[in-house]
Amino acid sequence: MSLTLIFFIILGILSIASGIVTISSKNPVTSAISLVFLFFMFAGLYLTLQAQFIAVIQVLVYAGAIMVLVIFVIMLLNLGNEESLKEKLNIRKGIGLLLSAILLLQFIIIIVAQPFRIIKAPGKPSQGTIEFLGNVLFSSYLLPFEAISLLLLLAIVGAIVLAKRKID
């Protein structure tokens, strides 16, 4: 059994568990945080499938932008008693601090081990990388790419025209 398959199985189990927590949680903040964790697990699954570009886009777009917006909306709509928001040190915070320390230790190990890495010679770009996607996109699929860009431009202009009509 390869290491990639083991990571895939672990990430799959964690993503299923996170999805169950997302839909079964009564607290909307817990549900949103669980959904962010689910997006990170999906990015890890994409990495095990050698789709690095999709993994990066998954983290940037979904976990980064959309979920921050959702969490802000939940926080703004859930205005209540401010005294109940104060938390004391409990087991959850202790576990969170422990996991944060482990993550910081891993980052330090990665940074320290960086000078000892072996650099591979450049060759043919592998599938899933941005270089491969760019080569295919601008060689084999140039016409559909340009057609979609024009379609998106027309959609933006149409939305501005419709919005301006309602303002006037």
C-alpha atoms as a PDB file:
ATOM      1  CA  MET A   1       0.000   0.000   0.000  1.00  0.00           C
ATOM      2  CA  SER A   2       1.511   3.328  -1.060  1.00  0.00           C
ATOM      3  CA  LEU A   3       1.741   6.451   1.052  1.00  0.00           C
ATOM      4  CA  THR A   4      -0.476   8.346  -1.410  1.00  0.00           C
ATOM      5  CA  LEU A   5      -3.257   5.792  -0.980  1.00  0.00           C
ATOM      6  CA  ILE A   6      -2.962   6.002   2.813  1.00  0.00           C
ATOM      7  CA  PHE A   7      -3.221   9.813   2.673  1.00  0.00           C
ATOM      8  CA  PHE A   8      -6.184   9.533   0.294  1.00  0.00           C
ATOM      9  CA  ILE A   9      -8.028   7.186   2.671  1.00  0.00           C
ATOM     10  CA  ILE A  10      -7.303   9.359   5.704  1.00  0.00           C
ATOM     11  CA  LEU A  11      -8.396  12.553   3.903  1.00  0.00           C
ATOM     12  CA  GLY A  12     -11.511  10.787   2.604  1.00  0.00           C
ATOM     13  CA  ILE A  13     -12.529   9.676   6.094  1.00  0.00           C
ATOM     14  CA  LEU A  14     -11.865  13.147   7.512  1.00  0.00           C
ATOM     15  CA  SER A  15     -13.877  14.793   4.726  1.00  0.00           C
ATOM     16  CA  ILE A  16     -16.845  12.472   5.322  1.00  0.00           C
ATOM     17  CA  ALA A  17     -16.695  13.174   9.066  1.00  0.00           C
ATOM     18  CA  SER A  18     -16.453  16.912   8.461  1.00  0.00           C
ATOM     19  CA  GLY A  19     -19.411  16.790   6.075  1.00  0.00           C
ATOM     20  CA  ILE A  20     -21.492  14.983   8.683  1.00  0.00           C
ATOM     21  CA  VAL A  21     -20.568  17.596  11.306  1.00  0.00           C
ATOM     22  CA  THR A  22     -21.424  20.367   8.820  1.00  0.00           C
ATOM     23  CA  ILE A  23     -24.968  19.176   8.219  1.00  0.00           C
ATOM     24  CA  SER A  24     -25.716  17.923  11.731  1.00  0.00           C
ATOM     25  CA  SER A  25     -24.451  20.855  13.804  1.00  0.00           C
ATOM     26  CA  LYS A  26     -27.049  23.155  15.356  1.00  0.00           C
ATOM     27  CA  ASN A  27     -24.558  25.982  15.841  1.00  0.00           C
ATOM     28  CA  PRO A  28     -24.051  27.854  12.520  1.00  0.00           C
ATOM     29  CA  VAL A  29     -20.497  28.914  13.395  1.00  0.00           C
ATOM     30  CA  THR A  30     -19.475  25.318  14.112  1.00  0.00           C
ATOM     31  CA  SER A  31     -21.090  24.263  10.871  1.00  0.00           C
ATOM     32  CA  ALA A  32     -19.226  26.952   8.906  1.00  0.00           C
ATOM     33  CA  ILE A  33     -15.869  26.092  10.473  1.00  0.00           C
ATOM     34  CA  SER A  34     -16.497  22.426   9.728  1.00  0.00           C
ATOM     35  CA  LEU A  35     -17.227  23.378   6.120  1.00  0.00           C
ATOM     36  CA  VAL A  36     -13.900  25.236   5.927  1.00  0.00           C
ATOM     37  CA  PHE A  37     -12.186  22.086   7.226  1.00  0.00           C
ATOM     38  CA  LEU A  38     -14.041  20.089   4.562  1.00  0.00           C
ATOM     39  CA  PHE A  39     -12.722  22.411   1.843  1.00  0.00           C
ATOM     40  CA  PHE A  40      -9.169  21.882   3.094  1.00  0.00           C
ATOM     41  CA  MET A  41      -9.706  18.118   3.055  1.00  0.00           C
ATOM     42  CA  PHE A  42     -10.911  18.386  -0.547  1.00  0.00           C
ATOM     43  CA  ALA A  43      -7.751  20.307  -1.414  1.00  0.00           C
ATOM     44  CA  GLY A  44      -5.705  17.531   0.147  1.00  0.00           C
ATOM     45  CA  LEU A  45      -7.625  14.964  -1.889  1.00  0.00           C
ATOM     46  CA  TYR A  46      -6.889  16.952  -5.041  1.00  0.00           C
ATOM     47  CA  LEU A  47      -3.202  16.959  -4.124  1.00  0.00           C
ATOM     48  CA  THR A  48      -3.185  13.180  -3.786  1.00  0.00           C
ATOM     49  CA  LEU A  49      -4.715  13.022  -7.263  1.00  0.00           C
ATOM     50  CA  GLN A  50      -1.875  15.203  -8.684  1.00  0.00           C
ATOM     51  CA  ALA A  51      -4.198  18.172  -9.353  1.00  0.00           C
ATOM     52  CA  GLN A  52      -2.174  20.917  -7.678  1.00  0.00           C
ATOM     53  CA  PHE A  53      -3.852  23.815  -9.469  1.00  0.00           C
ATOM     54  CA  ILE A  54      -7.353  22.738  -8.460  1.00  0.00           C
ATOM     55  CA  ALA A  55      -6.166  22.251  -4.865  1.00  0.00           C
ATOM     56  CA  VAL A  56      -4.786  25.786  -4.719  1.00  0.00           C
ATOM     57  CA  ILE A  57      -7.942  27.239  -6.266  1.00  0.00           C
ATOM     58  CA  GLN A  58     -10.036  25.215  -3.792  1.00  0.00           C
ATOM     59  CA  VAL A  59      -8.208  26.781  -0.859  1.00  0.00           C
ATOM     60  CA  LEU A  60      -8.096  30.308  -2.267  1.00  0.00           C
ATOM     61  CA  VAL A  61     -11.628  30.582  -3.580  1.00  0.00           C
ATOM     62  CA  TYR A  62     -13.743  28.412  -1.331  1.00  0.00           C
ATOM     63  CA  ALA A  63     -11.927  28.232   1.984  1.00  0.00           C
ATOM     64  CA  GLY A  64     -10.392  31.675   1.657  1.00  0.00           C
ATOM     65  CA  ALA A  65     -12.962  33.976   0.146  1.00  0.00           C
ATOM     66  CA  ILE A  66     -16.407  32.437   0.233  1.00  0.00           C
ATOM     67  CA  MET A  67     -16.230  30.952   3.720  1.00  0.00           C
ATOM     68  CA  VAL A  68     -14.823  34.164   5.206  1.00  0.00           C
ATOM     69  CA  LEU A  69     -17.839  35.942   3.764  1.00  0.00           C
ATOM     70  CA  VAL A  70     -20.214  33.302   5.153  1.00  0.00           C
ATOM     71  CA  ILE A  71     -18.605  33.452   8.599  1.00  0.00           C
ATOM     72  CA  PHE A  72     -18.830  37.261   8.648  1.00  0.00           C
ATOM     73  CA  VAL A  73     -22.518  37.129   7.707  1.00  0.00           C
ATOM     74  CA  ILE A  74     -23.197  34.552  10.422  1.00  0.00           C
ATOM     75  CA  MET A  75     -21.362  36.670  12.962  1.00  0.00           C
ATOM     76  CA  LEU A  76     -23.222  39.816  11.972  1.00  0.00           C
ATOM     77  CA  LEU A  77     -26.621  38.139  12.030  1.00  0.00           C
ATOM     78  CA  ASN A  78     -25.985  36.378  15.317  1.00  0.00           C
ATOM     79  CA  LEU A  79     -25.789  39.501  17.485  1.00  0.00           C
ATOM     80  CA  GLY A  80     -26.748  38.523  21.000  1.00  0.00           C
ATOM     81  CA  ASN A  81     -25.557  38.727  24.547  1.00  0.00           C
ATOM     82  CA  GLU A  82     -21.902  39.778  24.524  1.00  0.00           C
ATOM     83  CA  GLU A  83     -21.239  38.256  27.957  1.00  0.00           C
ATOM     84  CA  SER A  84     -21.961  34.765  26.617  1.00  0.00           C
ATOM     85  CA  LEU A  85     -19.264  35.209  23.950  1.00  0.00           C
ATOM     86  CA  LYS A  86     -16.466  35.309  26.513  1.00  0.00           C
ATOM     87  CA  GLU A  87     -14.860  31.913  26.939  1.00  0.00           C
ATOM     88  CA  LYS A  88     -12.750  30.577  29.724  1.00  0.00           C
ATOM     89  CA  LEU A  89      -9.883  28.171  29.245  1.00  0.00           C
ATOM     90  CA  ASN A  90     -11.485  24.770  28.690  1.00  0.00           C
ATOM     91  CA  ILE A  91     -10.533  21.449  27.123  1.00  0.00           C
ATOM     92  CA  ARG A  92     -11.316  22.675  23.587  1.00  0.00           C
ATOM     93  CA  LYS A  93      -8.950  25.609  23.879  1.00  0.00           C
ATOM     94  CA  GLY A  94      -6.284  23.314  25.319  1.00  0.00           C
ATOM     95  CA  ILE A  95      -6.619  20.901  22.399  1.00  0.00           C
ATOM     96  CA  GLY A  96      -6.570  23.849  19.976  1.00  0.00           C
ATOM     97  CA  LEU A  97      -3.387  25.224  21.524  1.00  0.00           C
ATOM     98  CA  LEU A  98      -1.780  21.776  21.398  1.00  0.00           C
ATOM     99  CA  LEU A  99      -2.671  21.298  17.722  1.00  0.00           C
ATOM    100  CA  SER A 100      -1.432  24.823  16.937  1.00  0.00           C
ATOM    101  CA  ALA A 101       1.883  24.045  18.608  1.00  0.00           C
ATOM    102  CA  ILE A 102       2.194  20.820  16.591  1.00  0.00           C
ATOM    103  CA  LEU A 103       1.459  22.729  13.362  1.00  0.00           C
ATOM    104  CA  LEU A 104       4.052  25.373  14.256  1.00  0.00           C
ATOM    105  CA  LEU A 105       6.573  22.617  14.960  1.00  0.00           C
ATOM    106  CA  GLN A 106       5.884  21.081  11.547  1.00  0.00           C
ATOM    107  CA  PHE A 107       6.419  24.443   9.847  1.00  0.00           C
ATOM    108  CA  ILE A 108       9.719  24.868  11.676  1.00  0.00           C
ATOM    109  CA  ILE A 109      10.844  21.377  10.632  1.00  0.00           C
ATOM    110  CA  ILE A 110       9.939  22.110   7.003  1.00  0.00           C
ATOM    111  CA  ILE A 111      11.835  25.401   7.025  1.00  0.00           C
ATOM    112  CA  VAL A 112      14.919  23.865   8.679  1.00  0.00           C
ATOM    113  CA  ALA A 113      14.932  20.876   6.285  1.00  0.00           C
ATOM    114  CA  GLN A 114      14.618  23.115   3.195  1.00  0.00           C
ATOM    115  CA  PRO A 115      18.389  23.459   2.455  1.00  0.00           C
ATOM    116  CA  PHE A 116      18.780  19.673   2.357  1.00  0.00           C
ATOM    117  CA  ARG A 117      16.195  19.092  -0.386  1.00  0.00           C
ATOM    118  CA  ILE A 118      17.299  17.583  -3.680  1.00  0.00           C
ATOM    119  CA  ILE A 119      16.231  19.639  -6.694  1.00  0.00           C
ATOM    120  CA  LYS A 120      14.942  17.613  -9.622  1.00  0.00           C
ATOM    121  CA  ALA A 121      15.901  18.522 -13.145  1.00  0.00           C
ATOM    122  CA  PRO A 122      13.141  20.252 -15.109  1.00  0.00           C
ATOM    123  CA  GLY A 123      11.358  18.003 -17.524  1.00  0.00           C
ATOM    124  CA  LYS A 124       7.932  17.601 -19.024  1.00  0.00           C
ATOM    125  CA  PRO A 125       5.320  19.238 -16.775  1.00  0.00           C
ATOM    126  CA  SER A 126       3.130  16.711 -15.012  1.00  0.00           C
ATOM    127  CA  GLN A 127      -0.629  16.775 -15.258  1.00  0.00           C
ATOM    128  CA  GLY A 128      -2.338  19.001 -12.720  1.00  0.00           C
ATOM    129  CA  THR A 129       0.346  21.668 -12.573  1.00  0.00           C
ATOM    130  CA  ILE A 130      -0.271  25.243 -13.648  1.00  0.00           C
ATOM    131  CA  GLU A 131       2.355  24.908 -16.382  1.00  0.00           C
ATOM    132  CA  PHE A 132       0.612  21.883 -17.894  1.00  0.00           C
ATOM    133  CA  LEU A 133      -2.795  23.579 -17.633  1.00  0.00           C
ATOM    134  CA  GLY A 134      -1.434  26.720 -19.308  1.00  0.00           C
ATOM    135  CA  ASN A 135       0.174  24.746 -22.133  1.00  0.00           C
ATOM    136  CA  VAL A 136      -3.019  22.843 -22.873  1.00  0.00           C
ATOM    137  CA  LEU A 137      -5.275  25.864 -22.421  1.00  0.00           C
ATOM    138  CA  PHE A 138      -3.347  28.101 -24.799  1.00  0.00           C
ATOM    139  CA  SER A 139      -2.587  25.456 -27.426  1.00  0.00           C
ATOM    140  CA  SER A 140      -5.425  22.950 -27.781  1.00  0.00           C
ATOM    141  CA  TYR A 141      -8.274  24.968 -26.239  1.00  0.00           C
ATOM    142  CA  LEU A 142      -7.439  28.537 -27.270  1.00  0.00           C
ATOM    143  CA  LEU A 143     -10.687  29.189 -29.185  1.00  0.00           C
ATOM    144  CA  PRO A 144     -13.022  27.942 -26.409  1.00  0.00           C
ATOM    145  CA  PHE A 145     -10.950  29.880 -23.846  1.00  0.00           C
ATOM    146  CA  GLU A 146     -11.350  33.121 -25.796  1.00  0.00           C
ATOM    147  CA  ALA A 147     -15.068  32.446 -26.385  1.00  0.00           C
ATOM    148  CA  ILE A 148     -15.648  31.979 -22.666  1.00  0.00           C
ATOM    149  CA  SER A 149     -13.720  35.156 -21.859  1.00  0.00           C
ATOM    150  CA  LEU A 150     -15.911  37.127 -24.288  1.00  0.00           C
ATOM    151  CA  LEU A 151     -19.039  35.530 -22.827  1.00  0.00           C
ATOM    152  CA  LEU A 152     -17.983  36.526 -19.300  1.00  0.00           C
ATOM    153  CA  LEU A 153     -17.228  40.062 -20.478  1.00  0.00           C
ATOM    154  CA  LEU A 154     -20.699  40.315 -22.038  1.00  0.00           C
ATOM    155  CA  ALA A 155     -22.280  38.994 -18.829  1.00  0.00           C
ATOM    156  CA  ILE A 156     -20.471  41.654 -16.766  1.00  0.00           C
ATOM    157  CA  VAL A 157     -21.524  44.429 -19.162  1.00  0.00           C
ATOM    158  CA  GLY A 158     -25.123  43.134 -19.118  1.00  0.00           C
ATOM    159  CA  ALA A 159     -25.182  43.061 -15.316  1.00  0.00           C
ATOM    160  CA  ILE A 160     -23.901  46.649 -15.179  1.00  0.00           C
ATOM    161  CA  VAL A 161     -26.534  47.783 -17.682  1.00  0.00           C
ATOM    162  CA  LEU A 162     -29.333  46.076 -15.751  1.00  0.00           C
ATOM    163  CA  ALA A 163     -28.104  47.476 -12.424  1.00  0.00           C
ATOM    164  CA  LYS A 164     -27.812  50.986 -13.873  1.00  0.00           C
ATOM    165  CA  ARG A 165     -31.373  50.788 -15.186  1.00  0.00           C
ATOM    166  CA  LYS A 166     -32.697  50.108 -11.668  1.00  0.00           C
ATOM    167  CA  ILE A 167     -30.699  53.030 -10.229  1.00  0.00           C
ATOM    168  CA  ASP A 168     -32.074  55.538 -12.768  1.00  0.00           C
END
